[in-house]
Amino acid sequence: MTEVTRIGLDTSKGSFQLHGVDASEAVVLKQKLTRTKMQEFFEKQPACLVVLEACAASHDWARTLGAMGHTVRLIAPQLVKPYVLRSKNDARDAAALCEAASRPQMRYVPVKTPEQQAAQMLAGLREQRLKRRTQISNSLRGYAAEFGLTVPQGLAHLADLAERFAKEPAVPDLARTLFADLWEEYQDADERVQEADRQLKLWQRENTTYQRLSEVPGLGPVASALLVMKTPDPAAFDSGRDFAAWLGLTPKDHSTAGRQRLGGITRAGDEQLRSVLVAGAMAVLRHHKPGSGGLKGWLTGLLARKPMKVVAVALANKLARIAWRLLVSGGSYDPAWAGAAVGGAAPAQA
């Protein structure tokens, strides 16, 4: 029997489609298996390259198959799609994975450890709880406004709003009861956000990489934590620009016929991470005082020519590059180095 050298594995909850080729790229395997049969198959299969789409449970499967002796690669879905022939089905998806992995320029997603996935879970749940708390707070303000009750901006004023709503004589009993239920839901959501913040602080206290990143102006506690959580392998990027491009902070390229045309940023990559970098850059710009030389002079020159939000995105790009250098080198932030880097005369060390 011809030896299988590469297998494209399309996963789902209960069925798994395999597409394998040999050393001459001839198709020698097309098979659909259940979860149990699939594990038995790979336990008996000689070590080979197994390719999966980076999706739910793919990192767990990568660790499982890797423990069996196989080499596992994960590919982002958008990089697999061009290799799907005609309409989509499981067999064509598996074939596309197998074909995509044969390309020498293909980029792969690093396999995360359980600890890295747990950290990302914390970040994701915290973001969900923040959105839910904001949603309920907006509902409280909206319903209260229907009865002429308003309070200043800020979450600290919602308790006063709930008290006023409960005592307002013009409010019907039904509305008062429903508002009280919504207020209890808000308090529960707020408590869950605070618990997530406490867990995040515990994680930050134990992570030295986070502590180094948090020294960079514009990288607050959340941005520094997300950079560590969502960048499992910084060395996979050849440069800081590649890292910034991965975050969607570089211009779209529309060049043709020798004419360069650059548009707005691509907005590719992780939206949450990109948004906190831009928010951190905006915070730096709000406290910026004009100056000359280094980072301050660079910002002063940009602000004289460009709108503030455009400069914020440029600064976010710069912060991403600085963060990448710190992640790769293991060094600490040096303001003198950052200033020299802007002028194109950065010292050799990070």
Protein backbone atom coordinates (compact mmCIF):
# COMPACT_ATOMS: atom_id res chain seq x y z
CA MET A 1 0.00 0.00 0.00
CA THR A 2 1.25 3.49 -0.89
CA GLU A 3 2.37 5.45 2.16
CA VAL A 4 0.33 8.56 3.01
CA THR A 5 2.55 11.60 3.51
CA ARG A 6 -0.04 14.38 4.01
CA ILE A 7 -3.65 14.29 5.18
CA GLY A 8 -6.21 17.09 5.03
CA LEU A 9 -8.63 16.65 7.94
CA ASP A 10 -11.99 18.43 7.86
CA THR A 11 -13.50 18.30 11.36
CA SER A 12 -17.03 18.64 12.72
CA LYS A 13 -18.88 17.57 15.85
CA GLY A 14 -19.45 13.96 14.89
CA SER A 15 -17.90 13.21 11.48
CA PHE A 16 -14.41 13.71 10.07
CA GLN A 17 -13.43 13.76 6.41
CA LEU A 18 -9.92 12.67 5.41
CA HIS A 19 -8.09 13.40 2.15
CA GLY A 20 -4.57 11.99 1.83
CA VAL A 21 -1.81 12.09 -0.77
CA ASP A 22 1.48 10.25 -1.16
CA ALA A 23 4.96 11.61 -1.89
CA SER A 24 4.09 12.04 -5.60
CA GLU A 25 0.95 14.09 -4.70
CA ALA A 26 -1.34 11.30 -5.92
CA VAL A 27 -4.59 10.94 -3.99
CA VAL A 28 -4.47 7.69 -2.01
CA LEU A 29 -7.01 8.32 0.75
CA LYS A 30 -10.62 9.53 0.76
CA GLN A 31 -12.52 8.50 3.84
CA LYS A 32 -15.21 9.71 6.22
CA LEU A 33 -14.97 8.53 9.84
CA THR A 34 -16.73 9.00 13.15
CA ARG A 35 -14.90 10.54 16.10
CA THR A 36 -13.96 7.16 17.63
CA LYS A 37 -12.92 5.63 14.31
CA MET A 38 -10.89 8.71 13.44
CA GLN A 39 -8.81 8.45 16.62
CA GLU A 40 -8.26 4.74 16.02
CA PHE A 41 -7.19 5.49 12.43
CA PHE A 42 -4.50 7.98 13.44
CA GLU A 43 -3.22 5.75 16.25
CA LYS A 44 -2.44 3.09 13.60
CA GLN A 45 -1.38 5.52 10.85
CA PRO A 46 2.40 5.99 10.42
CA ALA A 47 3.58 9.49 11.29
CA CYS A 48 2.66 12.02 8.60
CA LEU A 49 1.67 15.66 8.14
CA VAL A 50 -1.92 16.36 9.21
CA VAL A 51 -3.53 19.65 8.21
CA LEU A 52 -6.60 21.14 9.91
CA GLU A 53 -8.51 24.38 9.61
CA ALA A 54 -7.93 26.72 12.58
CA CYS A 55 -11.39 26.66 14.16
CA ALA A 56 -13.22 25.45 17.28
CA ALA A 57 -11.46 22.45 18.90
CA SER A 58 -8.67 22.47 16.29
CA HIS A 59 -5.97 23.26 18.87
CA ASP A 60 -7.09 20.34 21.03
CA TRP A 61 -7.01 18.01 18.03
CA ALA A 62 -3.58 19.35 17.09
CA ARG A 63 -2.23 18.50 20.54
CA THR A 64 -3.92 15.07 20.48
CA LEU A 65 -2.60 14.12 17.05
CA GLY A 66 0.81 15.57 17.88
CA ALA A 67 1.01 13.29 20.91
CA MET A 68 0.49 10.34 18.52
CA GLY A 69 3.64 11.34 16.63
CA HIS A 70 2.07 13.24 13.73
CA THR A 71 3.16 16.68 12.56
CA VAL A 72 0.11 18.95 12.73
CA ARG A 73 -0.43 22.27 10.92
CA LEU A 74 -3.35 24.67 11.34
CA ILE A 75 -4.37 26.99 8.49
CA ALA A 76 -6.63 30.03 8.80
CA PRO A 77 -9.99 29.47 6.99
CA GLN A 78 -9.52 32.45 4.65
CA LEU A 79 -6.28 30.92 3.34
CA VAL A 80 -7.97 27.58 2.62
CA LYS A 81 -10.99 28.97 0.76
CA PRO A 82 -9.15 29.70 -2.57
CA TYR A 83 -8.32 25.99 -2.86
CA VAL A 84 -11.93 24.77 -2.56
CA LEU A 85 -13.07 23.55 -5.99
CA ARG A 86 -16.54 24.74 -6.95
CA SER A 87 -19.25 24.31 -4.30
CA LYS A 88 -18.36 23.49 -0.72
CA ASN A 89 -18.72 20.10 1.01
CA ASP A 90 -16.69 18.14 3.55
CA ALA A 91 -14.72 16.16 0.95
CA ARG A 92 -13.75 19.31 -0.98
CA ASP A 93 -12.81 21.08 2.26
CA ALA A 94 -10.47 18.23 3.21
CA ALA A 95 -8.97 18.24 -0.30
CA ALA A 96 -8.50 22.01 -0.11
CA LEU A 97 -6.67 21.69 3.22
CA CYS A 98 -4.38 19.07 1.77
CA GLU A 99 -3.68 21.20 -1.31
CA ALA A 100 -3.13 24.42 0.66
CA ALA A 101 -0.48 22.74 2.82
CA SER A 102 1.50 21.85 -0.32
CA ARG A 103 2.13 25.53 -1.06
CA PRO A 104 5.63 26.60 0.11
CA GLN A 105 4.44 30.12 0.95
CA MET A 106 1.53 28.97 3.11
CA ARG A 107 1.27 30.56 6.58
CA TYR A 108 0.21 28.50 9.59
CA VAL A 109 -1.49 29.24 12.90
CA PRO A 110 0.64 28.30 15.96
CA VAL A 111 -0.88 25.57 18.12
CA LYS A 112 -1.91 27.00 21.48
CA THR A 113 -1.24 25.36 24.82
CA PRO A 114 -4.13 24.74 27.25
CA GLU A 115 -2.80 27.62 29.39
CA GLN A 116 -2.88 30.01 26.43
CA GLN A 117 -6.42 28.94 25.59
CA ALA A 118 -7.49 29.47 29.20
CA ALA A 119 -6.07 33.01 29.11
CA GLN A 120 -7.93 33.73 25.86
CA MET A 121 -11.10 32.33 27.42
CA LEU A 122 -10.72 34.81 30.28
CA ALA A 123 -10.28 37.70 27.83
CA GLY A 124 -13.28 36.59 25.75
CA LEU A 125 -15.61 36.14 28.72
CA ARG A 126 -14.59 39.50 30.16
CA GLU A 127 -15.40 41.17 26.83
CA GLN A 128 -18.81 39.44 26.68
CA ARG A 129 -19.65 40.51 30.23
CA LEU A 130 -18.64 44.11 29.52
CA LYS A 131 -20.90 44.19 26.47
CA ARG A 132 -23.78 42.70 28.45
CA ARG A 133 -23.37 45.26 31.25
CA THR A 134 -23.29 48.09 28.73
CA GLN A 135 -26.41 46.72 27.02
CA ILE A 136 -28.36 46.60 30.29
CA SER A 137 -27.18 50.05 31.37
CA ASN A 138 -28.37 51.51 28.07
CA SER A 139 -31.74 49.79 28.56
CA LEU A 140 -32.06 51.24 32.06
CA ARG A 141 -31.40 54.75 30.78
CA GLY A 142 -33.72 54.32 27.82
CA TYR A 143 -36.68 53.03 29.85
CA ALA A 144 -36.18 55.69 32.52
CA ALA A 145 -36.12 58.42 29.88
CA GLU A 146 -39.57 57.28 28.72
CA PHE A 147 -40.85 58.49 32.09
CA GLY A 148 -38.79 61.69 32.15
CA LEU A 149 -36.01 60.43 34.43
CA THR A 150 -32.38 61.04 33.47
CA VAL A 151 -28.99 61.03 35.21
CA PRO A 152 -25.50 62.17 34.13
CA GLN A 153 -23.25 59.86 32.12
CA GLY A 154 -21.33 57.17 33.97
CA LEU A 155 -22.16 53.84 35.56
CA ALA A 156 -21.88 55.33 39.05
CA HIS A 157 -25.14 57.26 38.52
CA LEU A 158 -27.27 54.20 37.71
CA ALA A 159 -27.93 53.39 41.37
CA ASP A 160 -29.44 56.85 41.82
CA LEU A 161 -31.55 56.31 38.69
CA ALA A 162 -32.89 53.00 40.04
CA GLU A 163 -33.79 54.64 43.35
CA ARG A 164 -35.55 57.56 41.69
CA PHE A 165 -37.47 55.21 39.37
CA ALA A 166 -38.68 53.16 42.35
CA LYS A 167 -39.98 56.28 44.14
CA GLU A 168 -41.45 58.16 41.15
CA PRO A 169 -45.25 58.38 41.69
CA ALA A 170 -46.02 58.78 37.98
CA VAL A 171 -44.45 55.41 37.11
CA PRO A 172 -46.98 52.52 36.80
CA ASP A 173 -46.50 49.51 39.06
CA LEU A 174 -45.80 47.22 36.11
CA ALA A 175 -42.97 49.45 34.86
CA ARG A 176 -41.57 49.76 38.38
CA THR A 177 -41.47 45.96 38.79
CA LEU A 178 -39.86 45.39 35.40
CA PHE A 179 -37.29 48.12 36.03
CA ALA A 180 -36.39 46.55 39.39
CA ASP A 181 -35.82 43.18 37.67
CA LEU A 182 -33.60 44.86 35.08
CA TRP A 183 -31.65 46.63 37.82
CA GLU A 184 -31.00 43.30 39.56
CA GLU A 185 -29.78 41.89 36.24
CA TYR A 186 -27.43 44.85 35.88
CA GLN A 187 -26.01 44.32 39.38
CA ASP A 188 -25.37 40.67 38.58
CA ALA A 189 -23.64 41.60 35.30
CA ASP A 190 -21.52 44.20 37.08
CA GLU A 191 -20.47 41.68 39.71
CA ARG A 192 -19.42 39.24 36.98
CA VAL A 193 -17.34 41.95 35.29
CA GLN A 194 -15.60 42.73 38.57
CA GLU A 195 -14.88 39.03 39.10
CA ALA A 196 -13.36 38.82 35.60
CA ASP A 197 -11.22 41.88 36.42
CA ARG A 198 -10.00 40.21 39.61
CA GLN A 199 -9.05 37.08 37.69
CA LEU A 200 -7.29 39.20 35.06
CA LYS A 201 -5.25 40.98 37.76
CA LEU A 202 -4.17 37.63 39.21
CA TRP A 203 -3.04 36.50 35.75
CA GLN A 204 -1.21 39.80 35.19
CA ARG A 205 0.62 39.51 38.50
CA GLU A 206 2.09 36.14 37.49
CA ASN A 207 3.03 37.02 33.90
CA THR A 208 6.40 38.74 33.46
CA THR A 209 5.87 39.40 29.75
CA TYR A 210 2.75 41.40 30.56
CA GLN A 211 4.69 43.43 33.11
CA ARG A 212 7.30 44.39 30.49
CA LEU A 213 4.68 45.40 27.93
CA SER A 214 2.73 47.50 30.42
CA GLU A 215 5.73 49.85 30.68
CA VAL A 216 5.09 51.08 27.11
CA PRO A 217 3.09 54.36 27.00
CA GLY A 218 -0.29 53.66 25.43
CA LEU A 219 -0.32 49.96 26.31
CA GLY A 220 -2.66 49.85 29.27
CA PRO A 221 -3.42 46.79 31.43
CA VAL A 222 -5.98 45.36 29.01
CA ALA A 223 -3.95 45.98 25.83
CA SER A 224 -0.79 44.47 27.36
CA ALA A 225 -2.70 41.42 28.56
CA LEU A 226 -4.40 40.88 25.19
CA LEU A 227 -1.09 41.15 23.34
CA VAL A 228 0.33 38.33 25.46
CA MET A 229 -2.82 36.21 25.33
CA LYS A 230 -3.48 36.52 21.60
CA THR A 231 0.11 36.22 20.32
CA PRO A 232 1.14 32.64 21.09
CA ASP A 233 4.26 32.75 18.89
CA PRO A 234 5.68 36.27 18.23
CA ALA A 235 8.72 34.74 16.51
CA ALA A 236 6.44 33.53 13.71
CA PHE A 237 6.50 37.10 12.35
CA ASP A 238 9.57 38.22 10.43
CA SER A 239 9.24 41.86 11.43
CA GLY A 240 7.21 44.36 13.41
CA ARG A 241 5.48 45.42 10.22
CA ASP A 242 4.30 41.87 9.62
CA PHE A 243 2.91 41.84 13.16
CA ALA A 244 1.12 45.17 12.58
CA ALA A 245 -0.26 43.82 9.29
CA TRP A 246 -1.56 40.74 11.15
CA LEU A 247 -3.46 43.13 13.43
CA GLY A 248 -4.93 45.01 10.44
CA LEU A 249 -3.03 48.25 11.15
CA THR A 250 -1.35 48.59 7.75
CA PRO A 251 -2.82 50.18 4.58
CA LYS A 252 -4.68 48.23 1.92
CA ASP A 253 -2.63 47.87 -1.22
CA HIS A 254 -4.47 48.63 -4.49
CA SER A 255 -1.34 49.05 -6.63
CA THR A 256 -1.31 48.13 -10.32
CA ALA A 257 0.65 48.92 -13.50
CA GLY A 258 3.56 50.25 -11.47
CA ARG A 259 1.39 52.81 -9.71
CA GLN A 260 1.19 52.55 -5.92
CA ARG A 261 -2.23 53.12 -4.36
CA LEU A 262 -2.59 52.73 -0.61
CA GLY A 263 -5.98 52.97 1.07
CA GLY A 264 -7.23 52.74 4.63
CA ILE A 265 -6.11 50.08 7.06
CA THR A 266 -7.09 46.51 6.26
CA ARG A 267 -8.88 45.86 9.60
CA ALA A 268 -7.76 42.26 9.35
CA GLY A 269 -6.96 40.20 12.42
CA ASP A 270 -8.36 40.44 15.93
CA GLU A 271 -10.81 43.34 16.26
CA GLN A 272 -10.63 43.49 20.05
CA LEU A 273 -6.84 43.72 20.11
CA ARG A 274 -6.76 46.32 17.35
CA SER A 275 -9.41 48.47 19.07
CA VAL A 276 -7.58 48.58 22.41
CA LEU A 277 -4.33 49.58 20.66
CA VAL A 278 -6.11 52.47 18.92
CA ALA A 279 -7.80 53.46 22.20
CA GLY A 280 -4.41 53.48 23.92
CA ALA A 281 -2.98 55.63 21.14
CA MET A 282 -5.85 58.10 21.53
CA ALA A 283 -5.10 58.32 25.27
CA VAL A 284 -1.47 59.19 24.49
CA LEU A 285 -2.52 61.88 22.01
CA ARG A 286 -4.93 63.49 24.49
CA HIS A 287 -2.01 64.11 26.85
CA HIS A 288 0.52 64.94 24.13
CA LYS A 289 2.48 68.15 24.41
CA PRO A 290 4.31 69.47 21.32
CA GLY A 291 8.03 68.80 21.26
CA SER A 292 10.94 68.02 18.98
CA GLY A 293 12.96 64.86 18.48
CA GLY A 294 12.09 61.23 19.06
CA LEU A 295 8.55 59.95 19.44
CA LYS A 296 7.22 63.28 20.67
CA GLY A 297 8.60 65.13 17.65
CA TRP A 298 7.21 62.49 15.30
CA LEU A 299 3.74 62.87 16.81
CA THR A 300 3.95 66.67 16.72
CA GLY A 301 4.80 66.61 13.02
CA LEU A 302 2.01 64.18 12.19
CA LEU A 303 -0.60 66.14 14.16
CA ALA A 304 0.30 69.25 12.20
CA ARG A 305 -0.54 67.49 8.92
CA LYS A 306 -3.11 64.81 9.71
CA PRO A 307 -6.39 64.46 11.64
CA MET A 308 -6.07 63.16 15.19
CA LYS A 309 -7.74 59.81 14.48
CA VAL A 310 -5.42 59.13 11.55
CA VAL A 311 -2.44 59.86 13.80
CA ALA A 312 -3.93 57.54 16.44
CA VAL A 313 -3.94 54.65 13.98
CA ALA A 314 -0.35 55.44 12.98
CA LEU A 315 0.65 55.46 16.64
CA ALA A 316 -1.23 52.18 17.23
CA ASN A 317 0.86 50.71 14.40
CA LYS A 318 3.99 51.99 16.14
CA LEU A 319 2.88 50.54 19.49
CA ALA A 320 2.27 47.15 17.84
CA ARG A 321 5.81 47.17 16.42
CA ILE A 322 7.32 48.10 19.79
CA ALA A 323 5.28 45.36 21.49
CA TRP A 324 6.46 42.79 18.93
CA ARG A 325 10.09 43.72 19.54
CA LEU A 326 9.65 43.31 23.30
CA LEU A 327 7.83 40.00 22.86
CA VAL A 328 10.56 38.59 20.62
CA SER A 329 13.63 39.97 22.39
CA GLY A 330 12.46 39.54 25.98
CA GLY A 331 13.84 43.01 26.74
CA SER A 332 12.30 45.95 28.58
CA TYR A 333 10.96 49.17 27.13
CA ASP A 334 13.57 51.87 26.56
CA PRO A 335 12.15 55.35 25.70
CA ALA A 336 15.49 56.38 24.18
CA TRP A 337 15.44 53.37 21.85
CA ALA A 338 11.82 54.03 20.85
CA GLY A 339 12.64 57.66 20.05
CA ALA A 340 15.69 56.70 18.01
CA ALA A 341 13.69 54.09 16.11
CA VAL A 342 11.25 56.75 14.92
CA GLY A 343 14.14 58.76 13.50
CA GLY A 344 15.60 55.73 11.76
CA ALA A 345 18.67 55.50 14.00
CA ALA A 346 17.69 52.76 16.41
CA PRO A 347 20.50 51.04 18.28
CA ALA A 348 21.17 47.40 17.53
CA GLN A 349 19.73 46.01 20.75
CA ALA A 350 16.06 46.10 21.74
